[in-house]
Amino acid sequence: MAPGAGRELAVHRISDGAWFFLVVAGPPAGQTNLVEPAELARRTHLQIPATLQSAAWSAGAKPQAVFRPGVYELMLSDNLESGQGGYKCRLKVTGLSPNNSSRPTPLRGAA
């Protein structure tokens, strides 16, 4: 990602439609950002732990594992709920590595 690509980040789990807003300008009470919006805007990369726990964006949601095997969309924008656009990346999670590590294995040629 390029610096300035966005200040807010969400993960959409396709299988059940759950949305996890990981970085937003005004997180709900009791929920914290993965990083602050200004910090996200300066970043050129961000590692999201495979074992991340967060509450889905719905009333009364309890923290749960964000990632499990399935298809996801990551959304990056200056304002996710504005409809102004941004960046979207679709990925498939197949599970944790055999040693149950949450450390990513970079793709060849990835920066």
Protein backbone atom coordinates (compact mmCIF):
# COMPACT_ATOMS: atom_id res chain seq x y z
CA MET A 1 0.00 0.00 0.00
CA ALA A 2 1.16 3.49 -0.68
CA PRO A 3 1.31 6.17 2.00
CA GLY A 4 -1.93 8.13 1.90
CA ALA A 5 -3.95 5.20 0.50
CA GLY A 6 -6.43 5.38 3.35
CA ARG A 7 -7.11 6.11 6.99
CA GLU A 8 -9.65 3.35 7.69
CA LEU A 9 -9.46 -0.44 7.25
CA ALA A 10 -12.14 -3.11 7.38
CA VAL A 11 -12.25 -6.87 6.83
CA HIS A 12 -15.39 -8.41 5.33
CA ARG A 13 -15.80 -12.15 5.92
CA ILE A 14 -17.79 -13.33 2.92
CA SER A 15 -19.08 -16.63 4.41
CA ASP A 16 -21.31 -14.98 7.02
CA GLY A 17 -21.25 -11.34 5.94
CA ALA A 18 -19.46 -10.21 9.12
CA TRP A 19 -17.64 -6.86 8.96
CA PHE A 20 -14.69 -6.10 11.22
CA PHE A 21 -13.65 -2.43 11.25
CA LEU A 22 -10.02 -2.61 12.35
CA VAL A 23 -9.13 1.07 11.94
CA VAL A 24 -11.81 3.78 12.06
CA ALA A 25 -11.96 7.44 13.05
CA GLY A 26 -14.38 6.78 15.92
CA PRO A 27 -14.30 3.21 17.22
CA PRO A 28 -17.23 2.17 19.42
CA ALA A 29 -16.80 2.17 23.19
CA GLY A 30 -14.68 -0.75 24.32
CA GLN A 31 -13.12 -1.37 20.91
CA THR A 32 -9.64 -0.20 19.93
CA ASN A 33 -8.03 0.36 16.56
CA LEU A 34 -5.30 -1.93 15.28
CA VAL A 35 -3.35 1.32 14.64
CA GLU A 36 -4.53 4.92 14.68
CA PRO A 37 -5.96 6.31 11.39
CA ALA A 38 -3.12 8.82 10.93
CA GLU A 39 -0.57 6.03 11.43
CA LEU A 40 -2.35 3.80 8.88
CA ALA A 41 -2.26 6.65 6.35
CA ARG A 42 1.55 6.88 6.74
CA ARG A 43 2.18 3.13 6.47
CA THR A 44 3.48 1.28 3.43
CA HIS A 45 2.50 -2.09 4.93
CA LEU A 46 0.52 -3.48 7.83
CA GLN A 47 0.64 -6.97 9.31
CA ILE A 48 -2.68 -8.24 10.58
CA PRO A 49 -2.21 -11.19 12.95
CA ALA A 50 -3.94 -14.36 11.75
CA THR A 51 -5.11 -14.88 15.33
CA LEU A 52 -6.69 -11.40 15.64
CA GLN A 53 -9.81 -11.23 17.80
CA SER A 54 -12.36 -8.46 17.26
CA ALA A 55 -16.10 -7.84 17.58
CA ALA A 56 -18.03 -7.82 14.32
CA TRP A 57 -19.71 -4.52 13.46
CA SER A 58 -23.18 -5.38 14.81
CA ALA A 59 -25.16 -4.74 17.97
CA GLY A 60 -24.14 -6.92 20.90
CA ALA A 61 -21.31 -8.65 19.03
CA LYS A 62 -18.65 -10.33 21.14
CA PRO A 63 -14.97 -10.60 20.21
CA GLN A 64 -14.23 -13.57 17.97
CA ALA A 65 -11.53 -14.79 15.62
CA VAL A 66 -11.61 -12.52 12.58
CA PHE A 67 -9.92 -15.05 10.32
CA ARG A 68 -10.87 -18.65 9.72
CA PRO A 69 -10.72 -20.61 6.49
CA GLY A 70 -12.67 -18.78 3.80
CA VAL A 71 -12.75 -15.77 1.49
CA TYR A 72 -12.30 -12.21 2.73
CA GLU A 73 -12.26 -8.69 1.34
CA LEU A 74 -10.03 -6.03 2.85
CA MET A 75 -11.24 -2.48 2.32
CA LEU A 76 -8.98 0.57 2.67
CA SER A 77 -10.39 4.10 2.37
CA ASP A 78 -10.20 7.54 3.92
CA ASN A 79 -13.80 7.07 5.09
CA LEU A 80 -15.25 3.57 4.74
CA GLU A 81 -18.88 4.55 5.30
CA SER A 82 -18.86 7.51 2.93
CA GLY A 83 -19.06 5.53 -0.30
CA GLN A 84 -16.23 7.67 -1.70
CA GLY A 85 -14.27 4.61 -2.77
CA GLY A 86 -10.86 3.33 -1.92
CA TYR A 87 -9.03 0.05 -2.35
CA LYS A 88 -10.31 -3.52 -2.12
CA CYS A 89 -8.33 -6.74 -1.96
CA ARG A 90 -9.87 -10.23 -1.97
CA LEU A 91 -8.00 -13.07 -0.30
CA LYS A 92 -8.54 -16.67 0.68
CA VAL A 93 -7.50 -17.96 4.09
CA THR A 94 -6.76 -21.68 4.10
CA GLY A 95 -5.74 -22.00 7.76
CA LEU A 96 -2.75 -21.54 10.01
CA SER A 97 0.62 -23.01 9.15
CA PRO A 98 1.39 -26.54 10.41
CA ASN A 99 3.16 -25.17 13.50
CA ASN A 100 0.07 -23.03 14.26
CA SER A 101 2.08 -19.88 13.73
CA SER A 102 0.42 -16.58 12.90
CA ARG A 103 3.58 -15.32 11.20
CA PRO A 104 2.90 -14.72 7.51
CA THR A 105 4.90 -16.26 4.73
CA PRO A 106 5.55 -13.46 2.22
CA LEU A 107 4.72 -14.10 -1.43
CA ARG A 108 7.70 -14.15 -3.74
CA GLY A 109 8.39 -10.71 -5.09
CA ALA A 110 6.22 -9.04 -2.41
CA ALA A 111 7.67 -5.93 -0.84
